[in-house]
PDB file of N, CA and C in Angstrom:
ATOM      1  N   UNK A   1      59.448 -23.726 -12.206  1.00  0.00           N
ATOM      2  CA  UNK A   1      60.802 -23.330 -11.816  1.00  0.00           C
ATOM      3  C   UNK A   1      60.810 -21.970 -11.129  1.00  0.00           C
ATOM      4  N   UNK A   2      59.950 -21.071 -11.588  1.00  0.00           N
ATOM      5  CA  UNK A   2      59.902 -19.740 -10.985  1.00  0.00           C
ATOM      6  C   UNK A   2      59.477 -19.814  -9.521  1.00  0.00           C
ATOM      7  N   UNK A   3      58.537 -20.702  -9.201  1.00  0.00           N
ATOM      8  CA  UNK A   3      58.072 -20.850  -7.819  1.00  0.00           C
ATOM      9  C   UNK A   3      59.202 -21.355  -6.922  1.00  0.00           C
ATOM     10  N   UNK A   4      60.001 -22.271  -7.420  1.00  0.00           N
ATOM     11  CA  UNK A   4      61.117 -22.800  -6.635  1.00  0.00           C
ATOM     12  C   UNK A   4      62.164 -21.704  -6.397  1.00  0.00           C
ATOM     13  N   UNK A   5      62.442 -20.910  -7.408  1.00  0.00           N
ATOM     14  CA  UNK A   5      63.405 -19.813  -7.265  1.00  0.00           C
ATOM     15  C   UNK A   5      62.894 -18.780  -6.259  1.00  0.00           C
ATOM     16  N   UNK A   6      61.585 -18.520  -6.312  1.00  0.00           N
ATOM     17  CA  UNK A   6      60.992 -17.568  -5.372  1.00  0.00           C
ATOM     18  C   UNK A   6      61.095 -18.090  -3.944  1.00  0.00           C
ATOM     19  N   UNK A   7      60.817 -19.386  -3.744  1.00  0.00           N
ATOM     20  CA  UNK A   7      60.902 -19.976  -2.409  1.00  0.00           C
ATOM     21  C   UNK A   7      62.340 -19.941  -1.902  1.00  0.00           C
ATOM     22  N   UNK A   8      63.302 -20.226  -2.762  1.00  0.00           N
ATOM     23  CA  UNK A   8      64.716 -20.142  -2.373  1.00  0.00           C
ATOM     24  C   UNK A   8      65.082 -18.725  -1.955  1.00  0.00           C
ATOM     25  N   UNK A   9      64.587 -17.744  -2.696  1.00  0.00           N
ATOM     26  CA  UNK A   9      64.860 -16.331  -2.383  1.00  0.00           C
ATOM     27  C   UNK A   9      64.264 -15.972  -1.017  1.00  0.00           C
ATOM     28  N   UNK A  10      63.032 -16.396  -0.759  1.00  0.00           N
ATOM     29  CA  UNK A  10      62.401 -16.124   0.534  1.00  0.00           C
ATOM     30  C   UNK A  10      63.217 -16.713   1.679  1.00  0.00           C
ATOM     31  N   UNK A  11      63.675 -17.939   1.499  1.00  0.00           N
ATOM     32  CA  UNK A  11      64.452 -18.592   2.551  1.00  0.00           C
ATOM     33  C   UNK A  11      65.802 -17.917   2.773  1.00  0.00           C
ATOM     34  N   UNK A  12      66.419 -17.448   1.707  1.00  0.00           N
ATOM     35  CA  UNK A  12      67.685 -16.728   1.837  1.00  0.00           C
ATOM     36  C   UNK A  12      67.502 -15.417   2.596  1.00  0.00           C
ATOM     37  N   UNK A  13      66.321 -14.825   2.468  1.00  0.00           N
ATOM     38  CA  UNK A  13      66.012 -13.562   3.157  1.00  0.00           C
ATOM     39  C   UNK A  13      65.484 -13.784   4.573  1.00  0.00           C
ATOM     40  N   UNK A  14      65.327 -15.045   4.978  1.00  0.00           N
ATOM     41  CA  UNK A  14      64.860 -15.344   6.322  1.00  0.00           C
ATOM     42  C   UNK A  14      63.359 -15.502   6.436  1.00  0.00           C
ATOM     43  N   UNK A  15      62.674 -15.780   5.329  1.00  0.00           N
ATOM     44  CA  UNK A  15      61.224 -15.961   5.330  1.00  0.00           C
ATOM     45  C   UNK A  15      60.880 -17.323   4.744  1.00  0.00           C
ATOM     46  N   UNK A  16      59.605 -17.630   4.700  1.00  0.00           N
ATOM     47  CA  UNK A  16      59.145 -18.879   4.103  1.00  0.00           C
ATOM     48  C   UNK A  16      58.827 -19.909   5.155  1.00  0.00           C
ATOM     49  N   UNK A  17      58.069 -20.945   4.775  1.00  0.00           N
ATOM     50  CA  UNK A  17      57.622 -21.942   5.750  1.00  0.00           C
ATOM     51  C   UNK A  17      58.748 -22.700   6.441  1.00  0.00           C
ATOM     52  N   UNK A  18      59.804 -23.041   5.718  1.00  0.00           N
ATOM     53  CA  UNK A  18      60.901 -23.793   6.344  1.00  0.00           C
ATOM     54  C   UNK A  18      61.552 -22.984   7.455  1.00  0.00           C
ATOM     55  N   UNK A  19      61.728 -21.693   7.223  1.00  0.00           N
ATOM     56  CA  UNK A  19      62.330 -20.819   8.235  1.00  0.00           C
ATOM     57  C   UNK A  19      61.378 -20.661   9.417  1.00  0.00           C
ATOM     58  N   UNK A  20      60.085 -20.442   9.126  1.00  0.00           N
ATOM     59  CA  UNK A  20      59.095 -20.233  10.185  1.00  0.00           C
ATOM     60  C   UNK A  20      58.928 -21.464  11.067  1.00  0.00           C
ATOM     61  N   UNK A  21      59.152 -22.655  10.522  1.00  0.00           N
ATOM     62  CA  UNK A  21      59.033 -23.888  11.298  1.00  0.00           C
ATOM     63  C   UNK A  21      60.194 -24.057  12.274  1.00  0.00           C
ATOM     64  N   UNK A  22      61.263 -23.298  12.095  1.00  0.00           N
ATOM     65  CA  UNK A  22      62.434 -23.390  12.966  1.00  0.00           C
ATOM     66  C   UNK A  22      62.456 -22.314  14.054  1.00  0.00           C
ATOM     67  N   UNK A  23      61.421 -21.459  14.096  1.00  0.00           N
ATOM     68  CA  UNK A  23      61.457 -20.309  15.002  1.00  0.00           C
ATOM     69  C   UNK A  23      60.244 -20.250  15.927  1.00  0.00           C
ATOM     70  N   UNK A  24      60.473 -19.659  17.093  1.00  0.00           N
ATOM     71  CA  UNK A  24      59.416 -19.285  18.028  1.00  0.00           C
ATOM     72  C   UNK A  24      59.622 -17.806  18.345  1.00  0.00           C
ATOM     73  N   UNK A  25      58.556 -17.173  18.804  1.00  0.00           N
ATOM     74  CA  UNK A  25      58.650 -15.783  19.235  1.00  0.00           C
ATOM     75  C   UNK A  25      58.153 -15.717  20.671  1.00  0.00           C
ATOM     76  N   UNK A  26      58.923 -15.071  21.527  1.00  0.00           N
ATOM     77  CA  UNK A  26      58.536 -14.928  22.927  1.00  0.00           C
ATOM     78  C   UNK A  26      57.274 -14.061  23.013  1.00  0.00           C
ATOM     79  N   UNK A  27      56.217 -14.553  23.676  1.00  0.00           N
ATOM     80  CA  UNK A  27      54.988 -13.770  23.786  1.00  0.00           C
ATOM     81  C   UNK A  27      55.121 -12.560  24.702  1.00  0.00           C
ATOM     82  N   UNK A  28      56.179 -12.521  25.510  1.00  0.00           N
ATOM     83  CA  UNK A  28      56.364 -11.417  26.446  1.00  0.00           C
ATOM     84  C   UNK A  28      57.201 -10.281  25.854  1.00  0.00           C
ATOM     85  N   UNK A  29      58.365 -10.625  25.273  1.00  0.00           N
ATOM     86  CA  UNK A  29      59.271  -9.564  24.795  1.00  0.00           C
ATOM     87  C   UNK A  29      59.470  -9.546  23.285  1.00  0.00           C
ATOM     88  N   UNK A  30      58.988 -10.584  22.575  1.00  0.00           N
ATOM     89  CA  UNK A  30      59.093 -10.605  21.117  1.00  0.00           C
ATOM     90  C   UNK A  30      60.412 -11.118  20.565  1.00  0.00           C
ATOM     91  N   UNK A  31      61.271 -11.632  21.414  1.00  0.00           N
ATOM     92  CA  UNK A  31      62.547 -12.164  20.958  1.00  0.00           C
ATOM     93  C   UNK A  31      62.320 -13.411  20.103  1.00  0.00           C
ATOM     94  N   UNK A  32      63.007 -13.496  18.986  1.00  0.00           N
ATOM     95  CA  UNK A  32      62.931 -14.665  18.107  1.00  0.00           C
ATOM     96  C   UNK A  32      63.983 -15.668  18.563  1.00  0.00           C
ATOM     97  N   UNK A  33      63.535 -16.908  18.782  1.00  0.00           N
ATOM     98  CA  UNK A  33      64.434 -17.949  19.276  1.00  0.00           C
ATOM     99  C   UNK A  33      64.253 -19.225  18.453  1.00  0.00           C
ATOM    100  N   UNK A  34      65.182 -20.147  18.600  1.00  0.00           N
ATOM    101  CA  UNK A  34      65.111 -21.444  17.943  1.00  0.00           C
ATOM    102  C   UNK A  34      63.965 -22.259  18.544  1.00  0.00           C
ATOM    103  N   UNK A  35      63.318 -23.090  17.737  1.00  0.00           N
ATOM    104  CA  UNK A  35      62.159 -23.863  18.199  1.00  0.00           C
ATOM    105  C   UNK A  35      62.487 -24.832  19.322  1.00  0.00           C
ATOM    106  N   UNK A  36      63.755 -25.191  19.478  1.00  0.00           N
ATOM    107  CA  UNK A  36      64.155 -26.138  20.521  1.00  0.00           C
ATOM    108  C   UNK A  36      64.176 -25.502  21.906  1.00  0.00           C
ATOM    109  N   UNK A  37      64.213 -24.186  21.996  1.00  0.00           N
ATOM    110  CA  UNK A  37      64.298 -23.513  23.286  1.00  0.00           C
ATOM    111  C   UNK A  37      62.939 -23.508  23.976  1.00  0.00           C
ATOM    112  N   UNK A  38      62.941 -23.618  25.295  1.00  0.00           N
ATOM    113  CA  UNK A  38      61.694 -23.602  26.051  1.00  0.00           C
ATOM    114  C   UNK A  38      61.573 -22.369  26.940  1.00  0.00           C
ATOM    115  N   UNK A  39      62.674 -21.622  27.087  1.00  0.00           N
ATOM    116  CA  UNK A  39      62.686 -20.407  27.907  1.00  0.00           C
ATOM    117  C   UNK A  39      63.362 -19.298  27.101  1.00  0.00           C
ATOM    118  N   UNK A  40      62.782 -18.100  27.142  1.00  0.00           N
ATOM    119  CA  UNK A  40      63.361 -16.964  26.422  1.00  0.00           C
ATOM    120  C   UNK A  40      64.694 -16.569  27.054  1.00  0.00           C
ATOM    121  N   UNK A  41      65.752 -16.443  26.251  1.00  0.00           N
ATOM    122  CA  UNK A  41      67.047 -16.070  26.807  1.00  0.00           C
ATOM    123  C   UNK A  41      67.111 -14.606  27.252  1.00  0.00           C
ATOM    124  N   UNK A  42      66.193 -13.767  26.765  1.00  0.00           N
ATOM    125  CA  UNK A  42      66.222 -12.345  27.133  1.00  0.00           C
ATOM    126  C   UNK A  42      65.432 -12.031  28.393  1.00  0.00           C
ATOM    127  N   UNK A  43      64.215 -12.577  28.507  1.00  0.00           N
ATOM    128  CA  UNK A  43      63.365 -12.193  29.640  1.00  0.00           C
ATOM    129  C   UNK A  43      63.063 -13.337  30.600  1.00  0.00           C
ATOM    130  N   UNK A  44      63.416 -14.572  30.224  1.00  0.00           N
ATOM    131  CA  UNK A  44      63.191 -15.721  31.102  1.00  0.00           C
ATOM    132  C   UNK A  44      61.786 -16.287  31.060  1.00  0.00           C
ATOM    133  N   UNK A  45      60.936 -15.749  30.190  1.00  0.00           N
ATOM    134  CA  UNK A  45      59.546 -16.221  30.069  1.00  0.00           C
ATOM    135  C   UNK A  45      59.525 -17.614  29.451  1.00  0.00           C
ATOM    136  N   UNK A  46      58.640 -18.479  29.956  1.00  0.00           N
ATOM    137  CA  UNK A  46      58.475 -19.816  29.376  1.00  0.00           C
ATOM    138  C   UNK A  46      57.827 -19.665  28.009  1.00  0.00           C
ATOM    139  N   UNK A  47      58.363 -20.372  26.996  1.00  0.00           N
ATOM    140  CA  UNK A  47      57.877 -20.259  25.628  1.00  0.00           C
ATOM    141  C   UNK A  47      56.822 -21.304  25.319  1.00  0.00           C
ATOM    142  N   UNK A  48      55.918 -20.958  24.431  1.00  0.00           N
ATOM    143  CA  UNK A  48      54.918 -21.903  23.948  1.00  0.00           C
ATOM    144  C   UNK A  48      55.597 -22.953  23.083  1.00  0.00           C
ATOM    145  N   UNK A  49      54.935 -24.071  22.871  1.00  0.00           N
ATOM    146  CA  UNK A  49      55.507 -25.112  22.015  1.00  0.00           C
ATOM    147  C   UNK A  49      55.283 -24.803  20.541  1.00  0.00           C
ATOM    148  N   UNK A  50      54.372 -23.865  20.239  1.00  0.00           N
ATOM    149  CA  UNK A  50      54.059 -23.534  18.853  1.00  0.00           C
ATOM    150  C   UNK A  50      55.186 -22.751  18.196  1.00  0.00           C
ATOM    151  N   UNK A  51      55.466 -23.124  16.952  1.00  0.00           N
ATOM    152  CA  UNK A  51      56.439 -22.363  16.169  1.00  0.00           C
ATOM    153  C   UNK A  51      55.736 -21.176  15.529  1.00  0.00           C
ATOM    154  N   UNK A  52      56.511 -20.299  14.921  1.00  0.00           N
ATOM    155  CA  UNK A  52      55.950 -19.161  14.208  1.00  0.00           C
ATOM    156  C   UNK A  52      55.034 -19.644  13.090  1.00  0.00           C
ATOM    157  N   UNK A  53      55.393 -20.750  12.449  1.00  0.00           N
ATOM    158  CA  UNK A  53      54.576 -21.328  11.390  1.00  0.00           C
ATOM    159  C   UNK A  53      53.223 -21.798  11.931  1.00  0.00           C
ATOM    160  N   UNK A  54      53.217 -22.457  13.089  1.00  0.00           N
ATOM    161  CA  UNK A  54      51.966 -22.911  13.707  1.00  0.00           C
ATOM    162  C   UNK A  54      51.041 -21.730  13.997  1.00  0.00           C
ATOM    163  N   UNK A  55      51.590 -20.648  14.539  1.00  0.00           N
ATOM    164  CA  UNK A  55      50.799 -19.451  14.849  1.00  0.00           C
ATOM    165  C   UNK A  55      50.238 -18.826  13.572  1.00  0.00           C
ATOM    166  N   UNK A  56      51.034 -18.794  12.526  1.00  0.00           N
ATOM    167  CA  UNK A  56      50.599 -18.243  11.241  1.00  0.00           C
ATOM    168  C   UNK A  56      49.431 -19.056  10.684  1.00  0.00           C
ATOM    169  N   UNK A  57      49.550 -20.380  10.732  1.00  0.00           N
ATOM    170  CA  UNK A  57      48.493 -21.253  10.202  1.00  0.00           C
ATOM    171  C   UNK A  57      47.192 -21.106  10.980  1.00  0.00           C
ATOM    172  N   UNK A  58      47.272 -20.821  12.281  1.00  0.00           N
ATOM    173  CA  UNK A  58      46.065 -20.629  13.087  1.00  0.00           C
ATOM    174  C   UNK A  58      45.309 -19.364  12.696  1.00  0.00           C
ATOM    175  N   UNK A  59      46.019 -18.367  12.203  1.00  0.00           N
ATOM    176  CA  UNK A  59      45.415 -17.072  11.903  1.00  0.00           C
ATOM    177  C   UNK A  59      45.009 -16.894  10.437  1.00  0.00           C
ATOM    178  N   UNK A  60      45.387 -17.832   9.580  1.00  0.00           N
ATOM    179  CA  UNK A  60      45.097 -17.715   8.156  1.00  0.00           C
ATOM    180  C   UNK A  60      44.425 -18.982   7.634  1.00  0.00           C
ATOM    181  N   UNK A  61      43.563 -18.805   6.676  1.00  0.00           N
ATOM    182  CA  UNK A  61      42.932 -19.933   6.004  1.00  0.00           C
ATOM    183  C   UNK A  61      43.960 -20.526   5.047  1.00  0.00           C
ATOM    184  N   UNK A  62      44.263 -21.809   5.219  1.00  0.00           N
ATOM    185  CA  UNK A  62      45.287 -22.468   4.414  1.00  0.00           C
ATOM    186  C   UNK A  62      44.763 -23.785   3.856  1.00  0.00           C
ATOM    187  N   UNK A  63      45.296 -24.182   2.725  1.00  0.00           N
ATOM    188  CA  UNK A  63      44.951 -25.466   2.107  1.00  0.00           C
ATOM    189  C   UNK A  63      45.475 -26.593   2.992  1.00  0.00           C
ATOM    190  N   UNK A  64      44.608 -27.571   3.262  1.00  0.00           N
ATOM    191  CA  UNK A  64      45.020 -28.711   4.087  1.00  0.00           C
ATOM    192  C   UNK A  64      46.053 -29.583   3.389  1.00  0.00           C
ATOM    193  N   UNK A  65      46.040 -29.601   2.065  1.00  0.00           N
ATOM    194  CA  UNK A  65      46.953 -30.458   1.314  1.00  0.00           C
ATOM    195  C   UNK A  65      48.345 -29.850   1.190  1.00  0.00           C
ATOM    196  N   UNK A  66      48.431 -28.584   0.743  1.00  0.00           N
ATOM    197  CA  UNK A  66      49.756 -28.020   0.443  1.00  0.00           C
ATOM    198  C   UNK A  66      50.161 -26.833   1.316  1.00  0.00           C
ATOM    199  N   UNK A  67      49.228 -26.293   2.111  1.00  0.00           N
ATOM    200  CA  UNK A  67      49.572 -25.202   3.014  1.00  0.00           C
ATOM    201  C   UNK A  67      49.503 -23.817   2.410  1.00  0.00           C
ATOM    202  N   UNK A  68      49.070 -23.686   1.167  1.00  0.00           N
ATOM    203  CA  UNK A  68      48.971 -22.379   0.518  1.00  0.00           C
ATOM    204  C   UNK A  68      47.936 -21.520   1.241  1.00  0.00           C
ATOM    205  N   UNK A  69      48.263 -20.237   1.458  1.00  0.00           N
ATOM    206  CA  UNK A  69      47.323 -19.310   2.071  1.00  0.00           C
ATOM    207  C   UNK A  69      46.208 -19.025   1.072  1.00  0.00           C
ATOM    208  N   UNK A  70      44.962 -19.005   1.573  1.00  0.00           N
ATOM    209  CA  UNK A  70      43.792 -18.869   0.713  1.00  0.00           C
ATOM    210  C   UNK A  70      43.004 -17.612   1.037  1.00  0.00           C
ATOM    211  N   UNK A  71      42.259 -17.130   0.059  1.00  0.00           N
ATOM    212  CA  UNK A  71      41.334 -16.036   0.307  1.00  0.00           C
ATOM    213  C   UNK A  71      40.090 -16.604   0.969  1.00  0.00           C
ATOM    214  N   UNK A  72      39.313 -15.756   1.604  1.00  0.00           N
ATOM    215  CA  UNK A  72      38.133 -16.235   2.331  1.00  0.00           C
ATOM    216  C   UNK A  72      37.054 -16.790   1.408  1.00  0.00           C
ATOM    217  N   UNK A  73      37.065 -16.409   0.132  1.00  0.00           N
ATOM    218  CA  UNK A  73      36.039 -16.893  -0.789  1.00  0.00           C
ATOM    219  C   UNK A  73      36.538 -17.986  -1.746  1.00  0.00           C
ATOM    220  N   UNK A  74      37.716 -18.519  -1.505  1.00  0.00           N
ATOM    221  CA  UNK A  74      38.275 -19.550  -2.384  1.00  0.00           C
ATOM    222  C   UNK A  74      37.474 -20.834  -2.280  1.00  0.00           C
ATOM    223  N   UNK A  75      37.260 -21.475  -3.416  1.00  0.00           N
ATOM    224  CA  UNK A  75      36.574 -22.770  -3.438  1.00  0.00           C
ATOM    225  C   UNK A  75      37.537 -23.903  -3.770  1.00  0.00           C
ATOM    226  N   UNK A  76      38.670 -23.550  -4.393  1.00  0.00           N
ATOM    227  CA  UNK A  76      39.725 -24.499  -4.733  1.00  0.00           C
ATOM    228  C   UNK A  76      41.059 -23.840  -4.407  1.00  0.00           C
ATOM    229  N   UNK A  77      42.039 -24.641  -4.035  1.00  0.00           N
ATOM    230  CA  UNK A  77      43.387 -24.120  -3.807  1.00  0.00           C
ATOM    231  C   UNK A  77      43.991 -23.717  -5.148  1.00  0.00           C
ATOM    232  N   UNK A  78      44.504 -22.490  -5.263  1.00  0.00           N
ATOM    233  CA  UNK A  78      45.091 -22.062  -6.527  1.00  0.00           C
ATOM    234  C   UNK A  78      46.418 -22.753  -6.842  1.00  0.00           C
ATOM    235  N   UNK A  79      47.031 -23.371  -5.841  1.00  0.00           N
ATOM    236  CA  UNK A  79      48.324 -24.018  -6.048  1.00  0.00           C
ATOM    237  C   UNK A  79      48.179 -25.492  -6.444  1.00  0.00           C
ATOM    238  N   UNK A  80      47.376 -26.245  -5.675  1.00  0.00           N
ATOM    239  CA  UNK A  80      47.291 -27.695  -5.921  1.00  0.00           C
ATOM    240  C   UNK A  80      45.933 -28.154  -6.454  1.00  0.00           C
ATOM    241  N   UNK A  81      44.930 -27.263  -6.466  1.00  0.00           N
ATOM    242  CA  UNK A  81      43.615 -27.614  -6.996  1.00  0.00           C
ATOM    243  C   UNK A  81      42.704 -28.344  -6.030  1.00  0.00           C
ATOM    244  N   UNK A  82      43.129 -28.528  -4.789  1.00  0.00           N
ATOM    245  CA  UNK A  82      42.326 -29.215  -3.781  1.00  0.00           C
ATOM    246  C   UNK A  82      40.989 -28.490  -3.599  1.00  0.00           C
ATOM    247  N   UNK A  83      39.844 -29.213  -3.689  1.00  0.00           N
ATOM    248  CA  UNK A  83      38.555 -28.580  -3.381  1.00  0.00           C
ATOM    249  C   UNK A  83      38.520 -28.200  -1.897  1.00  0.00           C
ATOM    250  N   UNK A  84      37.959 -27.061  -1.596  1.00  0.00           N
ATOM    251  CA  UNK A  84      37.918 -26.580  -0.220  1.00  0.00           C
ATOM    252  C   UNK A  84      36.502 -26.689   0.316  1.00  0.00           C
ATOM    253  N   UNK A  85      36.384 -27.258   1.476  1.00  0.00           N
ATOM    254  CA  UNK A  85      35.091 -27.399   2.129  1.00  0.00           C
ATOM    255  C   UNK A  85      35.135 -26.521   3.366  1.00  0.00           C
ATOM    256  N   UNK A  86      34.587 -25.328   3.228  1.00  0.00           N
ATOM    257  CA  UNK A  86      34.621 -24.361   4.324  1.00  0.00           C
ATOM    258  C   UNK A  86      33.490 -24.634   5.307  1.00  0.00           C
ATOM    259  N   UNK A  87      33.797 -24.453   6.583  1.00  0.00           N
ATOM    260  CA  UNK A  87      32.782 -24.644   7.616  1.00  0.00           C
ATOM    261  C   UNK A  87      31.822 -23.464   7.595  1.00  0.00           C
ATOM    262  N   UNK A  88      30.549 -23.766   7.613  1.00  0.00           N
ATOM    263  CA  UNK A  88      29.530 -22.719   7.646  1.00  0.00           C
ATOM    264  C   UNK A  88      28.933 -22.725   9.040  1.00  0.00           C
ATOM    265  N   UNK A  89      28.972 -21.564   9.684  1.00  0.00           N
ATOM    266  CA  UNK A  89      28.451 -21.495  11.039  1.00  0.00           C
ATOM    267  C   UNK A  89      26.948 -21.280  11.003  1.00  0.00           C
ATOM    268  N   UNK A  90      26.243 -21.947  11.905  1.00  0.00           N
ATOM    269  CA  UNK A  90      24.792 -21.794  12.011  1.00  0.00           C
ATOM    270  C   UNK A  90      24.496 -20.702  13.035  1.00  0.00           C
ATOM    271  N   UNK A  91      23.749 -19.719  12.631  1.00  0.00           N
ATOM    272  CA  UNK A  91      23.418 -18.616  13.557  1.00  0.00           C
ATOM    273  C   UNK A  91      22.076 -18.823  14.199  1.00  0.00           C
TER     274      UNK A  91
END
């Protein structure tokens, strides 16, 4: 129950995955716009199709099952218990 209350609080404050999935940020001027827009209303720059949530997921290690952000040394998701199979690069 505490996790649900925390998520509700984040959304009320304008944060959280549901909010991030509805927003884009202009790469030129930084204006926050609705995900349905394709052109920035402030500078006229064409917007990417990626939402703020998509950009966040690209930059952070996340659980494939539930989307929880993970530490670089995690072996299991702390939220759902999913085993994590990290890619090891060959040098």
